[in-house]
Amino acid sequence: MADGSKTVGAAPGNGLFRARLRAFSALFRALTILFLLPAGGFSGCGRDDSPPTATIRGHTWRVIPAVTSRQRYQGMAGRTSVADDEGMLFIYPQAAARNYCMRNCLVPLDIAFIGPDLRVIAMHTMAVEPGLAGEKVYPSGAPAQYVLETTVGALARAGVKPGDTVTFSSNVPPAAKADPGP
């Protein structure tokens, strides 16, 4: 001030202001941590990193979810092998009659059509076609919302039959999040 008096209090530039700012910063960080911890706000907390699975009659397959039109179109095409405990799970937002083929598939596959009630509707063994044309069609026979493809013979080895109940792990994407395309 012009009269030579000093300002007392928390003005920028004096020590009291800096001390209060440091105290407020520490309190803010502590409160942020307290609120983020229960909400799983840190990377990795509450996340399930295990692969999604489908289980039928006690046999579990690690599945690759196909929820977009592009993923479903690609399917297992181009794969040169499929392990006994793995497969692909095609997920649709609505149940409908489905027809599958072996377009560009290099290995024979088993297929199980699954209804919205999570029961197996129909099953087929799909052979590799000459020229990989994918001309033979494998129908669901009833509205299916999910389709499981596995290595050939896997469904028979597990004793799977129409009417069996399927369970999915909690990290399988819900049908409501699936792309409505083909």
C-alpha atoms as a PDB file:
ATOM      1  CA  MET A   1       0.000   0.000   0.000  1.00  0.00           C
ATOM      2  CA  ALA A   2       1.118   3.544  -0.596  1.00  0.00           C
ATOM      3  CA  ASP A   3       0.956   4.487   3.078  1.00  0.00           C
ATOM      4  CA  GLY A   4       3.452   1.745   4.003  1.00  0.00           C
ATOM      5  CA  SER A   5       0.986  -0.472   5.893  1.00  0.00           C
ATOM      6  CA  LYS A   6       1.080  -4.215   5.312  1.00  0.00           C
ATOM      7  CA  THR A   7      -1.847  -6.390   4.285  1.00  0.00           C
ATOM      8  CA  VAL A   8      -2.495  -9.215   6.684  1.00  0.00           C
ATOM      9  CA  GLY A   9      -4.177 -12.434   5.463  1.00  0.00           C
ATOM     10  CA  ALA A  10      -4.035 -14.797   2.521  1.00  0.00           C
ATOM     11  CA  ALA A  11      -3.057 -12.567  -0.352  1.00  0.00           C
ATOM     12  CA  PRO A  12      -1.273 -14.085  -3.376  1.00  0.00           C
ATOM     13  CA  GLY A  13       2.441 -13.962  -2.855  1.00  0.00           C
ATOM     14  CA  ASN A  14       2.524 -14.214   0.923  1.00  0.00           C
ATOM     15  CA  GLY A  15       3.343 -17.381   2.870  1.00  0.00           C
ATOM     16  CA  LEU A  16      -0.109 -17.813   4.403  1.00  0.00           C
ATOM     17  CA  PHE A  17      -1.730 -17.978   0.953  1.00  0.00           C
ATOM     18  CA  ARG A  18       0.730 -20.640  -0.247  1.00  0.00           C
ATOM     19  CA  ALA A  19       0.220 -22.705   2.922  1.00  0.00           C
ATOM     20  CA  ARG A  20      -3.564 -22.614   2.550  1.00  0.00           C
ATOM     21  CA  LEU A  21      -3.281 -23.526  -1.153  1.00  0.00           C
ATOM     22  CA  ARG A  22      -1.076 -26.548  -0.314  1.00  0.00           C
ATOM     23  CA  ALA A  23      -3.535 -27.670   2.386  1.00  0.00           C
ATOM     24  CA  PHE A  24      -6.491 -27.337   0.005  1.00  0.00           C
ATOM     25  CA  SER A  25      -4.613 -29.292  -2.713  1.00  0.00           C
ATOM     26  CA  ALA A  26      -3.823 -32.116  -0.297  1.00  0.00           C
ATOM     27  CA  LEU A  27      -7.441 -32.243   0.887  1.00  0.00           C
ATOM     28  CA  PHE A  28      -8.718 -32.269  -2.717  1.00  0.00           C
ATOM     29  CA  ARG A  29      -6.383 -35.175  -3.661  1.00  0.00           C
ATOM     30  CA  ALA A  30      -7.425 -37.165  -0.576  1.00  0.00           C
ATOM     31  CA  LEU A  31     -11.137 -36.667  -1.280  1.00  0.00           C
ATOM     32  CA  THR A  32     -10.675 -37.597  -4.951  1.00  0.00           C
ATOM     33  CA  ILE A  33      -8.983 -40.867  -3.965  1.00  0.00           C
ATOM     34  CA  LEU A  34     -11.688 -41.659  -1.398  1.00  0.00           C
ATOM     35  CA  PHE A  35     -14.438 -41.183  -3.984  1.00  0.00           C
ATOM     36  CA  LEU A  36     -12.689 -43.041  -6.819  1.00  0.00           C
ATOM     37  CA  LEU A  37     -11.683 -46.166  -4.887  1.00  0.00           C
ATOM     38  CA  PRO A  38     -15.198 -47.522  -4.229  1.00  0.00           C
ATOM     39  CA  ALA A  39     -16.234 -46.714  -7.806  1.00  0.00           C
ATOM     40  CA  GLY A  40     -13.389 -48.735  -9.304  1.00  0.00           C
ATOM     41  CA  GLY A  41     -11.894 -45.553 -10.700  1.00  0.00           C
ATOM     42  CA  PHE A  42      -8.409 -46.963 -11.068  1.00  0.00           C
ATOM     43  CA  SER A  43      -7.336 -48.987 -14.075  1.00  0.00           C
ATOM     44  CA  GLY A  44      -7.855 -52.701 -13.562  1.00  0.00           C
ATOM     45  CA  CYS A  45     -10.115 -52.428 -10.528  1.00  0.00           C
ATOM     46  CA  GLY A  46     -13.261 -54.513 -10.916  1.00  0.00           C
ATOM     47  CA  ARG A  47     -12.376 -55.560 -14.464  1.00  0.00           C
ATOM     48  CA  ASP A  48     -12.669 -59.176 -15.582  1.00  0.00           C
ATOM     49  CA  ASP A  49      -9.704 -59.895 -17.851  1.00  0.00           C
ATOM     50  CA  SER A  50     -10.532 -63.585 -18.258  1.00  0.00           C
ATOM     51  CA  PRO A  51     -11.757 -64.654 -21.698  1.00  0.00           C
ATOM     52  CA  PRO A  52     -15.533 -64.782 -22.253  1.00  0.00           C
ATOM     53  CA  THR A  53     -16.951 -68.309 -22.057  1.00  0.00           C
ATOM     54  CA  ALA A  54     -19.972 -70.381 -23.033  1.00  0.00           C
ATOM     55  CA  THR A  55     -20.793 -73.530 -21.052  1.00  0.00           C
ATOM     56  CA  ILE A  56     -23.062 -76.401 -22.114  1.00  0.00           C
ATOM     57  CA  ARG A  57     -23.421 -79.686 -20.162  1.00  0.00           C
ATOM     58  CA  GLY A  58     -20.435 -78.778 -17.997  1.00  0.00           C
ATOM     59  CA  HIS A  59     -18.097 -78.198 -20.945  1.00  0.00           C
ATOM     60  CA  THR A  60     -16.732 -74.662 -21.243  1.00  0.00           C
ATOM     61  CA  TRP A  61     -15.474 -73.013 -24.413  1.00  0.00           C
ATOM     62  CA  ARG A  62     -13.443 -69.797 -24.467  1.00  0.00           C
ATOM     63  CA  VAL A  63     -15.282 -67.708 -27.037  1.00  0.00           C
ATOM     64  CA  ILE A  64     -14.539 -64.749 -29.245  1.00  0.00           C
ATOM     65  CA  PRO A  65     -17.705 -62.615 -29.236  1.00  0.00           C
ATOM     66  CA  ALA A  66     -18.900 -61.396 -32.647  1.00  0.00           C
ATOM     67  CA  VAL A  67     -21.297 -58.515 -32.011  1.00  0.00           C
ATOM     68  CA  THR A  68     -20.883 -56.301 -35.089  1.00  0.00           C
ATOM     69  CA  SER A  69     -21.984 -57.057 -38.652  1.00  0.00           C
ATOM     70  CA  ARG A  70     -18.357 -57.045 -39.737  1.00  0.00           C
ATOM     71  CA  GLN A  71     -17.266 -59.498 -37.004  1.00  0.00           C
ATOM     72  CA  ARG A  72     -20.165 -61.831 -37.795  1.00  0.00           C
ATOM     73  CA  TYR A  73     -19.422 -61.701 -41.542  1.00  0.00           C
ATOM     74  CA  GLN A  74     -15.739 -62.537 -40.952  1.00  0.00           C
ATOM     75  CA  GLY A  75     -16.534 -65.275 -38.437  1.00  0.00           C
ATOM     76  CA  MET A  76     -14.051 -68.154 -38.535  1.00  0.00           C
ATOM     77  CA  ALA A  77     -13.086 -67.495 -42.176  1.00  0.00           C
ATOM     78  CA  GLY A  78      -9.372 -67.893 -42.771  1.00  0.00           C
ATOM     79  CA  ARG A  79      -8.679 -69.769 -39.529  1.00  0.00           C
ATOM     80  CA  THR A  80      -6.379 -72.761 -40.007  1.00  0.00           C
ATOM     81  CA  SER A  81      -7.185 -74.323 -36.637  1.00  0.00           C
ATOM     82  CA  VAL A  82      -9.590 -74.113 -33.717  1.00  0.00           C
ATOM     83  CA  ALA A  83      -8.662 -75.582 -30.325  1.00  0.00           C
ATOM     84  CA  ASP A  84     -11.039 -78.027 -28.625  1.00  0.00           C
ATOM     85  CA  ASP A  85     -11.877 -75.509 -25.904  1.00  0.00           C
ATOM     86  CA  GLU A  86     -12.381 -72.434 -28.077  1.00  0.00           C
ATOM     87  CA  GLY A  87     -15.020 -71.081 -30.392  1.00  0.00           C
ATOM     88  CA  MET A  88     -16.781 -68.010 -31.679  1.00  0.00           C
ATOM     89  CA  LEU A  89     -20.051 -66.729 -30.257  1.00  0.00           C
ATOM     90  CA  PHE A  90     -22.185 -64.746 -32.706  1.00  0.00           C
ATOM     91  CA  ILE A  91     -24.514 -62.414 -30.807  1.00  0.00           C
ATOM     92  CA  TYR A  92     -27.598 -60.713 -32.284  1.00  0.00           C
ATOM     93  CA  PRO A  93     -29.899 -58.116 -30.684  1.00  0.00           C
ATOM     94  CA  GLN A  94     -33.022 -60.051 -31.751  1.00  0.00           C
ATOM     95  CA  ALA A  95     -33.901 -63.687 -32.295  1.00  0.00           C
ATOM     96  CA  ALA A  96     -34.560 -64.588 -35.947  1.00  0.00           C
ATOM     97  CA  ALA A  97     -34.247 -67.507 -38.344  1.00  0.00           C
ATOM     98  CA  ARG A  98     -30.532 -67.794 -39.140  1.00  0.00           C
ATOM     99  CA  ASN A  99     -28.671 -69.456 -42.004  1.00  0.00           C
ATOM    100  CA  TYR A 100     -24.931 -70.045 -41.831  1.00  0.00           C
ATOM    101  CA  CYS A 101     -22.443 -71.270 -44.410  1.00  0.00           C
ATOM    102  CA  MET A 102     -18.734 -72.159 -44.633  1.00  0.00           C
ATOM    103  CA  ARG A 103     -17.589 -69.251 -46.841  1.00  0.00           C
ATOM    104  CA  ASN A 104     -13.758 -69.132 -46.833  1.00  0.00           C
ATOM    105  CA  CYS A 105     -13.537 -71.523 -43.873  1.00  0.00           C
ATOM    106  CA  LEU A 106     -10.418 -73.678 -43.922  1.00  0.00           C
ATOM    107  CA  VAL A 107     -11.383 -76.087 -41.114  1.00  0.00           C
ATOM    108  CA  PRO A 108     -14.591 -78.051 -40.469  1.00  0.00           C
ATOM    109  CA  LEU A 109     -16.741 -76.681 -37.654  1.00  0.00           C
ATOM    110  CA  ASP A 110     -19.603 -77.608 -35.366  1.00  0.00           C
ATOM    111  CA  ILE A 111     -22.378 -75.050 -35.024  1.00  0.00           C
ATOM    112  CA  ALA A 112     -25.060 -74.695 -32.342  1.00  0.00           C
ATOM    113  CA  PHE A 113     -27.959 -72.287 -32.780  1.00  0.00           C
ATOM    114  CA  ILE A 114     -29.149 -70.910 -29.439  1.00  0.00           C
ATOM    115  CA  GLY A 115     -32.500 -69.272 -28.728  1.00  0.00           C
ATOM    116  CA  PRO A 116     -33.191 -66.183 -26.630  1.00  0.00           C
ATOM    117  CA  ASP A 117     -34.030 -68.543 -23.744  1.00  0.00           C
ATOM    118  CA  LEU A 118     -30.397 -69.804 -23.921  1.00  0.00           C
ATOM    119  CA  ARG A 119     -31.393 -73.289 -25.060  1.00  0.00           C
ATOM    120  CA  VAL A 120     -29.767 -75.089 -27.985  1.00  0.00           C
ATOM    121  CA  ILE A 121     -32.209 -75.104 -30.924  1.00  0.00           C
ATOM    122  CA  ALA A 122     -30.258 -76.957 -33.616  1.00  0.00           C
ATOM    123  CA  MET A 123     -26.769 -78.266 -34.308  1.00  0.00           C
ATOM    124  CA  HIS A 124     -24.839 -79.089 -37.462  1.00  0.00           C
ATOM    125  CA  THR A 125     -21.384 -80.274 -38.462  1.00  0.00           C
ATOM    126  CA  MET A 126     -20.163 -78.053 -41.277  1.00  0.00           C
ATOM    127  CA  ALA A 127     -17.625 -79.469 -43.733  1.00  0.00           C
ATOM    128  CA  VAL A 128     -15.047 -77.462 -45.669  1.00  0.00           C
ATOM    129  CA  GLU A 129     -16.427 -76.915 -49.175  1.00  0.00           C
ATOM    130  CA  PRO A 130     -14.446 -77.302 -52.402  1.00  0.00           C
ATOM    131  CA  GLY A 131     -13.334 -73.873 -53.532  1.00  0.00           C
ATOM    132  CA  LEU A 132     -14.405 -72.469 -50.139  1.00  0.00           C
ATOM    133  CA  ALA A 133     -17.604 -71.272 -51.820  1.00  0.00           C
ATOM    134  CA  GLY A 134     -19.936 -71.511 -48.837  1.00  0.00           C
ATOM    135  CA  GLU A 135     -22.867 -72.694 -50.955  1.00  0.00           C
ATOM    136  CA  LYS A 136     -24.334 -75.203 -48.484  1.00  0.00           C
ATOM    137  CA  VAL A 137     -26.617 -73.505 -45.967  1.00  0.00           C
ATOM    138  CA  TYR A 138     -27.060 -74.634 -42.355  1.00  0.00           C
ATOM    139  CA  PRO A 139     -30.401 -73.341 -40.962  1.00  0.00           C
ATOM    140  CA  SER A 140     -31.355 -72.645 -37.353  1.00  0.00           C
ATOM    141  CA  GLY A 141     -34.860 -74.045 -37.918  1.00  0.00           C
ATOM    142  CA  ALA A 142     -36.263 -71.629 -35.291  1.00  0.00           C
ATOM    143  CA  PRO A 143     -35.459 -68.090 -34.136  1.00  0.00           C
ATOM    144  CA  ALA A 144     -31.890 -67.965 -32.800  1.00  0.00           C
ATOM    145  CA  GLN A 145     -30.260 -65.063 -30.980  1.00  0.00           C
ATOM    146  CA  TYR A 146     -26.843 -66.668 -30.504  1.00  0.00           C
ATOM    147  CA  VAL A 147     -24.716 -68.985 -32.625  1.00  0.00           C
ATOM    148  CA  LEU A 148     -21.746 -70.936 -31.260  1.00  0.00           C
ATOM    149  CA  GLU A 149     -19.107 -72.280 -33.658  1.00  0.00           C
ATOM    150  CA  THR A 150     -16.518 -74.731 -32.324  1.00  0.00           C
ATOM    151  CA  THR A 151     -14.028 -77.207 -33.698  1.00  0.00           C
ATOM    152  CA  VAL A 152     -15.560 -80.200 -35.462  1.00  0.00           C
ATOM    153  CA  GLY A 153     -16.688 -82.928 -33.055  1.00  0.00           C
ATOM    154  CA  ALA A 154     -16.524 -80.702 -29.953  1.00  0.00           C
ATOM    155  CA  LEU A 155     -20.287 -80.594 -29.420  1.00  0.00           C
ATOM    156  CA  ALA A 156     -20.632 -84.381 -29.757  1.00  0.00           C
ATOM    157  CA  ARG A 157     -17.703 -84.997 -27.373  1.00  0.00           C
ATOM    158  CA  ALA A 158     -19.413 -82.761 -24.806  1.00  0.00           C
ATOM    159  CA  GLY A 159     -22.718 -84.608 -25.304  1.00  0.00           C
ATOM    160  CA  VAL A 160     -24.540 -81.437 -26.389  1.00  0.00           C
ATOM    161  CA  LYS A 161     -28.021 -81.896 -27.815  1.00  0.00           C
ATOM    162  CA  PRO A 162     -30.994 -79.668 -28.702  1.00  0.00           C
ATOM    163  CA  GLY A 163     -32.774 -78.432 -25.587  1.00  0.00           C
ATOM    164  CA  ASP A 164     -29.588 -78.132 -23.511  1.00  0.00           C
ATOM    165  CA  THR A 165     -29.163 -74.896 -21.567  1.00  0.00           C
ATOM    166  CA  VAL A 166     -26.229 -72.600 -22.315  1.00  0.00           C
ATOM    167  CA  THR A 167     -24.645 -70.287 -19.754  1.00  0.00           C
ATOM    168  CA  PHE A 168     -22.395 -67.373 -20.626  1.00  0.00           C
ATOM    169  CA  SER A 169     -19.771 -65.805 -18.394  1.00  0.00           C
ATOM    170  CA  SER A 170     -20.581 -62.320 -17.148  1.00  0.00           C
ATOM    171  CA  ASN A 171     -18.092 -60.749 -19.569  1.00  0.00           C
ATOM    172  CA  VAL A 172     -19.932 -61.947 -22.695  1.00  0.00           C
ATOM    173  CA  PRO A 173     -21.447 -58.796 -24.255  1.00  0.00           C
ATOM    174  CA  PRO A 174     -25.229 -58.575 -23.807  1.00  0.00           C
ATOM    175  CA  ALA A 175     -27.430 -59.068 -26.873  1.00  0.00           C
ATOM    176  CA  ALA A 176     -28.783 -55.536 -26.436  1.00  0.00           C
ATOM    177  CA  LYS A 177     -25.329 -54.182 -27.372  1.00  0.00           C
ATOM    178  CA  ALA A 178     -25.097 -56.191 -30.605  1.00  0.00           C
ATOM    179  CA  ASP A 179     -25.187 -54.470 -33.988  1.00  0.00           C
ATOM    180  CA  PRO A 180     -28.568 -55.130 -35.663  1.00  0.00           C
ATOM    181  CA  GLY A 181     -27.030 -55.782 -39.104  1.00  0.00           C
ATOM    182  CA  PRO A 182     -26.775 -59.225 -40.740  1.00  0.00           C
END
